[in-house]
């Protein structure tokens, strides 16, 4: 059974990594629902957050394959209940339409949105939340003349306590021990 997974992929900043990841997903016919790239808390390490819908078995295979890529440091796969996440959306709505319905107060308060800019032609509203909340606000604003709508992908952090720094230290220690182990064999 397909379900939604969030892949947190930590990588070095090298050209071509996105293409390699896309190929892995495309070969397995997995569509990317959301993609965000950003710096991480570790200097020189970047976080790619990818949201996909697939089976548990398939996501395990994909994660293992991604971890084999040279520039990839660590891959984590989470379900929605294992992370804290948000998306951000911007709505550009006609001022005339929005003021005629006099729903500005309702939109801002009820939907916990913010007004970023007001001009004679348009009002820009920002909403941070989950996909369903953003879609609900979009549906509410559509009758008033949505001129533009843009939404980010999922920005997520894990609920787990162990952080990337600890995994990197463990990897360094394991790599330092490998030469000693192989020398002891000969």
Protein backbone atom coordinates (compact mmCIF):
# COMPACT_ATOMS: atom_id res chain seq x y z
CA UNK A 1 0.00 0.00 0.00
CA UNK A 2 1.36 3.42 -0.99
CA UNK A 3 1.87 6.06 1.67
CA UNK A 4 3.63 9.39 1.97
CA UNK A 5 7.31 9.43 2.97
CA UNK A 6 9.71 12.30 3.58
CA UNK A 7 13.30 11.59 2.58
CA UNK A 8 15.94 13.70 4.32
CA UNK A 9 19.13 13.36 2.33
CA UNK A 10 22.36 14.93 3.57
CA UNK A 11 24.95 15.57 0.90
CA UNK A 12 28.06 17.49 0.03
CA UNK A 13 27.62 20.43 -2.32
CA UNK A 14 28.49 18.85 -5.66
CA UNK A 15 27.07 19.39 -9.12
CA UNK A 16 24.85 16.60 -10.43
CA UNK A 17 23.54 15.09 -7.21
CA UNK A 18 19.97 16.16 -7.97
CA UNK A 19 20.12 14.44 -11.35
CA UNK A 20 21.38 11.22 -9.78
CA UNK A 21 18.60 11.24 -7.20
CA UNK A 22 15.97 11.97 -9.84
CA UNK A 23 17.20 9.02 -11.92
CA UNK A 24 16.88 6.67 -8.94
CA UNK A 25 13.26 7.76 -8.39
CA UNK A 26 12.36 7.82 -12.10
CA UNK A 27 13.66 4.29 -12.70
CA UNK A 28 11.30 3.05 -10.00
CA UNK A 29 8.44 5.21 -11.32
CA UNK A 30 8.21 7.29 -8.14
CA UNK A 31 6.94 10.83 -8.60
CA UNK A 32 8.36 13.67 -6.47
CA UNK A 33 5.52 15.50 -4.69
CA UNK A 34 7.80 18.08 -3.09
CA UNK A 35 11.49 18.96 -3.16
CA UNK A 36 13.49 21.45 -1.09
CA UNK A 37 17.25 22.00 -0.98
CA UNK A 38 18.90 23.98 1.81
CA UNK A 39 21.96 24.29 3.99
CA UNK A 40 21.96 22.09 7.07
CA UNK A 41 23.17 22.74 10.62
CA UNK A 42 26.53 21.21 9.63
CA UNK A 43 28.83 23.54 7.67
CA UNK A 44 29.36 22.33 4.10
CA UNK A 45 26.53 19.79 4.28
CA UNK A 46 23.28 20.32 2.43
CA UNK A 47 19.85 18.90 3.17
CA UNK A 48 17.55 17.73 0.40
CA UNK A 49 14.00 17.12 1.59
CA UNK A 50 11.97 15.02 -0.83
CA UNK A 51 8.33 13.96 -0.41
CA UNK A 52 7.15 10.88 -2.32
CA UNK A 53 4.29 8.40 -2.25
CA UNK A 54 5.30 4.75 -2.51
CA UNK A 55 5.36 1.48 -0.59
CA UNK A 56 7.49 0.75 2.49
CA UNK A 57 9.45 -1.87 0.58
CA UNK A 58 10.18 0.47 -2.32
CA UNK A 59 11.25 3.39 -0.09
CA UNK A 60 13.76 1.13 1.68
CA UNK A 61 15.26 0.11 -1.69
CA UNK A 62 15.40 3.72 -2.87
CA UNK A 63 17.04 4.93 0.37
CA UNK A 64 19.71 2.20 0.17
CA UNK A 65 20.42 3.10 -3.44
CA UNK A 66 20.67 6.82 -2.60
CA UNK A 67 23.10 6.13 0.24
CA UNK A 68 25.43 4.41 -2.26
CA UNK A 69 25.91 7.68 -4.15
CA UNK A 70 29.39 9.10 -3.53
CA UNK A 71 28.32 12.59 -2.44
CA UNK A 72 25.53 11.37 -0.13
CA UNK A 73 26.47 11.30 3.55
CA UNK A 74 23.26 9.95 5.08
CA UNK A 75 19.65 9.26 4.09
CA UNK A 76 16.75 9.21 6.52
CA UNK A 77 13.19 8.18 5.64
CA UNK A 78 10.29 9.33 7.80
CA UNK A 79 6.54 9.13 7.86
CA UNK A 80 4.60 12.33 8.59
CA UNK A 81 4.16 11.46 12.27
CA UNK A 82 7.96 11.25 12.76
CA UNK A 83 8.67 14.81 11.62
CA UNK A 84 7.64 18.38 12.23
CA UNK A 85 6.93 20.07 8.92
CA UNK A 86 5.42 23.11 7.26
CA UNK A 87 4.91 24.57 3.81
CA UNK A 88 4.59 28.23 2.89
CA UNK A 89 2.27 29.74 0.32
CA UNK A 90 1.85 33.20 -1.14
CA UNK A 91 -1.48 34.37 -2.56
CA UNK A 92 -1.84 37.47 -4.72
CA UNK A 93 -5.52 38.47 -4.63
CA UNK A 94 -7.26 41.42 -6.27
CA UNK A 95 -7.75 44.22 -3.78
CA UNK A 96 -11.15 45.04 -5.24
CA UNK A 97 -12.36 41.45 -4.90
CA UNK A 98 -11.01 40.98 -1.41
CA UNK A 99 -12.38 44.29 -0.14
CA UNK A 100 -15.78 43.77 -1.75
CA UNK A 101 -16.30 40.62 0.27
CA UNK A 102 -14.77 42.27 3.33
CA UNK A 103 -13.18 38.96 4.33
CA UNK A 104 -9.68 40.28 5.02
CA UNK A 105 -10.13 40.04 8.79
CA UNK A 106 -11.60 36.54 8.53
CA UNK A 107 -8.78 35.33 6.29
CA UNK A 108 -6.03 36.65 8.50
CA UNK A 109 -7.48 35.55 11.82
CA UNK A 110 -9.27 32.30 11.01
CA UNK A 111 -6.57 30.95 8.70
CA UNK A 112 -3.68 32.38 10.75
CA UNK A 113 -2.31 34.10 7.65
CA UNK A 114 -0.35 37.34 7.27
CA UNK A 115 -0.76 40.23 4.91
CA UNK A 116 2.61 41.01 3.34
CA UNK A 117 1.68 43.81 0.96
CA UNK A 118 -1.32 45.92 0.05
CA UNK A 119 -1.57 47.91 -3.16
CA UNK A 120 -4.51 49.42 -5.05
CA UNK A 121 -4.43 46.43 -7.44
CA UNK A 122 -3.61 43.47 -5.20
CA UNK A 123 -3.05 42.12 -1.69
CA UNK A 124 -0.33 39.54 -0.98
CA UNK A 125 -1.18 37.05 1.75
CA UNK A 126 1.22 34.54 3.30
CA UNK A 127 0.11 31.26 4.87
CA UNK A 128 2.38 28.77 6.61
CA UNK A 129 0.97 25.35 7.44
CA UNK A 130 0.23 21.92 6.10
CA UNK A 131 -0.93 21.24 2.54
CA UNK A 132 -4.59 20.85 3.53
CA UNK A 133 -4.62 24.20 5.36
CA UNK A 134 -3.07 25.96 2.38
CA UNK A 135 -5.54 24.37 -0.04
CA UNK A 136 -8.43 25.38 2.23
CA UNK A 137 -7.31 29.02 2.15
CA UNK A 138 -6.84 28.88 -1.63
CA UNK A 139 -10.41 27.63 -2.02
CA UNK A 140 -11.63 30.43 0.25
CA UNK A 141 -9.78 33.11 -1.76
CA UNK A 142 -10.60 31.89 -5.29
CA UNK A 143 -14.01 33.62 -5.51
CA UNK A 144 -12.28 36.94 -4.74
CA UNK A 145 -9.84 36.80 -7.65
CA UNK A 146 -6.57 34.96 -7.06
CA UNK A 147 -4.07 36.50 -9.48
CA UNK A 148 -1.11 34.34 -8.47
CA UNK A 149 -0.46 31.43 -6.14
CA UNK A 150 2.92 29.94 -5.22
CA UNK A 151 3.67 27.21 -2.68
CA UNK A 152 6.93 25.84 -1.36
CA UNK A 153 7.74 22.21 -0.81
CA UNK A 154 7.85 20.62 2.60
CA UNK A 155 10.37 21.97 5.08
CA UNK A 156 10.88 19.36 7.78
CA UNK A 157 12.91 18.50 10.84
CA UNK A 158 12.84 15.19 12.63
CA UNK A 159 11.53 14.40 16.08
CA UNK A 160 14.47 12.03 16.64
CA UNK A 161 17.07 13.08 19.18
CA UNK A 162 20.18 11.77 17.39
CA UNK A 163 21.41 14.45 15.01
CA UNK A 164 23.49 14.35 11.83
CA UNK A 165 26.62 15.43 13.74
CA UNK A 166 26.53 12.17 15.71
CA UNK A 167 26.11 10.08 12.55
CA UNK A 168 29.04 11.91 10.90
CA UNK A 169 31.25 11.30 13.94
CA UNK A 170 30.31 7.61 13.91
CA UNK A 171 31.15 7.42 10.19
CA UNK A 172 34.53 9.10 10.79
CA UNK A 173 35.36 6.69 13.60
CA UNK A 174 34.34 3.70 11.47
CA UNK A 175 36.49 4.95 8.58
CA UNK A 176 39.48 5.45 10.89
CA UNK A 177 39.14 1.88 12.18
CA UNK A 178 38.92 0.32 8.69
CA UNK A 179 42.66 0.67 7.86
CA UNK A 180 43.59 -0.82 11.25
CA UNK A 181 41.25 -3.76 10.70
CA UNK A 182 42.47 -4.46 7.17
CA UNK A 183 46.14 -4.20 8.29
CA UNK A 184 45.45 -6.68 11.09
CA UNK A 185 44.08 -9.19 8.57
CA UNK A 186 47.34 -9.27 6.56
